Amino acid sequence: MFSDEISRLQALSKTIEYNEEEHTNNVIYDEDSYSYPAYITIDGFGNTYEYALIDQSNNRIENR
């Protein structure tokens, strides 16, 4: 269900290694940087991007 997936996305965190250090990012909600509102775990850190675009009018999620 769409609302269940939104709840799951909101609770995510992502740990990555960069320059021999670990960094943990919690998901942030961003309405300005992409064509749709997005839940972002990583945005450009270490040249890595991971986010989900939320198209609420069509109840659709596009992962990138």
C-alpha atoms as a PDB file:
ATOM      1  CA  MET A   1       0.000   0.000   0.000  1.00  0.00           C
ATOM      2  CA  PHE A   2       1.246   3.515  -0.838  1.00  0.00           C
ATOM      3  CA  SER A   3       0.949   4.898   2.723  1.00  0.00           C
ATOM      4  CA  ASP A   4       2.846   1.888   4.137  1.00  0.00           C
ATOM      5  CA  GLU A   5       5.708   2.511   1.735  1.00  0.00           C
ATOM      6  CA  ILE A   6       5.813   6.216   2.700  1.00  0.00           C
ATOM      7  CA  SER A   7       6.092   5.184   6.362  1.00  0.00           C
ATOM      8  CA  ARG A   8       8.896   2.764   5.520  1.00  0.00           C
ATOM      9  CA  LEU A   9      10.808   5.442   3.597  1.00  0.00           C
ATOM     10  CA  GLN A  10      10.484   7.932   6.448  1.00  0.00           C
ATOM     11  CA  ALA A  11      12.153   5.481   8.849  1.00  0.00           C
ATOM     12  CA  LEU A  12      15.185   4.651   6.688  1.00  0.00           C
ATOM     13  CA  SER A  13      18.779   5.508   7.409  1.00  0.00           C
ATOM     14  CA  LYS A  14      21.841   4.753   5.315  1.00  0.00           C
ATOM     15  CA  THR A  15      25.407   4.164   6.496  1.00  0.00           C
ATOM     16  CA  ILE A  16      28.166   4.560   3.929  1.00  0.00           C
ATOM     17  CA  GLU A  17      31.947   4.435   4.075  1.00  0.00           C
ATOM     18  CA  TYR A  18      33.815   7.359   2.556  1.00  0.00           C
ATOM     19  CA  ASN A  19      37.536   8.046   2.967  1.00  0.00           C
ATOM     20  CA  GLU A  20      37.756   5.205   5.519  1.00  0.00           C
ATOM     21  CA  GLU A  21      35.090   6.819   7.729  1.00  0.00           C
ATOM     22  CA  GLU A  22      31.507   5.729   8.281  1.00  0.00           C
ATOM     23  CA  HIS A  23      28.689   8.244   7.932  1.00  0.00           C
ATOM     24  CA  THR A  24      25.043   7.565   8.781  1.00  0.00           C
ATOM     25  CA  ASN A  25      22.348   9.702   7.195  1.00  0.00           C
ATOM     26  CA  ASN A  26      18.720   9.683   8.214  1.00  0.00           C
ATOM     27  CA  VAL A  27      16.108  10.279   5.548  1.00  0.00           C
ATOM     28  CA  ILE A  28      15.129  13.897   4.953  1.00  0.00           C
ATOM     29  CA  TYR A  29      12.032  15.146   3.162  1.00  0.00           C
ATOM     30  CA  ASP A  30      12.715  17.707   0.429  1.00  0.00           C
ATOM     31  CA  GLU A  31      10.053  19.517  -1.609  1.00  0.00           C
ATOM     32  CA  ASP A  32      12.383  21.826  -3.562  1.00  0.00           C
ATOM     33  CA  SER A  33      15.335  19.986  -5.130  1.00  0.00           C
ATOM     34  CA  TYR A  34      13.579  17.544  -7.468  1.00  0.00           C
ATOM     35  CA  SER A  35      10.581  17.503  -9.810  1.00  0.00           C
ATOM     36  CA  TYR A  36       8.494  15.830  -7.063  1.00  0.00           C
ATOM     37  CA  PRO A  37       8.825  15.851  -3.275  1.00  0.00           C
ATOM     38  CA  ALA A  38      11.522  13.352  -2.297  1.00  0.00           C
ATOM     39  CA  TYR A  39      12.727  11.297   0.636  1.00  0.00           C
ATOM     40  CA  ILE A  40      16.518  11.496   0.425  1.00  0.00           C
ATOM     41  CA  THR A  41      19.045   9.216   2.103  1.00  0.00           C
ATOM     42  CA  ILE A  42      22.158  10.424   0.262  1.00  0.00           C
ATOM     43  CA  ASP A  43      22.458  13.459  -2.006  1.00  0.00           C
ATOM     44  CA  GLY A  44      25.873  13.860  -3.577  1.00  0.00           C
ATOM     45  CA  PHE A  45      27.961  12.691  -0.622  1.00  0.00           C
ATOM     46  CA  GLY A  46      30.895  10.758  -2.050  1.00  0.00           C
ATOM     47  CA  ASN A  47      29.283  11.147  -5.503  1.00  0.00           C
ATOM     48  CA  THR A  48      26.404   8.925  -4.332  1.00  0.00           C
ATOM     49  CA  TYR A  49      22.702   9.679  -4.725  1.00  0.00           C
ATOM     50  CA  GLU A  50      19.815   7.711  -3.274  1.00  0.00           C
ATOM     51  CA  TYR A  51      16.301   9.068  -3.037  1.00  0.00           C
ATOM     52  CA  ALA A  52      12.644   8.280  -3.706  1.00  0.00           C
ATOM     53  CA  LEU A  53      10.415  10.697  -5.593  1.00  0.00           C
ATOM     54  CA  ILE A  54       6.851  10.838  -4.274  1.00  0.00           C
ATOM     55  CA  ASP A  55       4.082  11.447  -6.821  1.00  0.00           C
ATOM     56  CA  GLN A  56       1.150  11.763  -4.422  1.00  0.00           C
ATOM     57  CA  SER A  57      -1.403  12.630  -7.086  1.00  0.00           C
ATOM     58  CA  ASN A  58      -0.829   9.237  -8.752  1.00  0.00           C
ATOM     59  CA  ASN A  59       0.098   7.273  -5.571  1.00  0.00           C
ATOM     60  CA  ARG A  60       3.432   6.384  -7.111  1.00  0.00           C
ATOM     61  CA  ILE A  61       7.014   6.225  -5.865  1.00  0.00           C
ATOM     62  CA  GLU A  62      10.028   6.354  -8.160  1.00  0.00           C
ATOM     63  CA  ASN A  63      13.342   5.226  -6.641  1.00  0.00           C
ATOM     64  CA  ARG A  64      16.625   6.575  -7.929  1.00  0.00           C
END
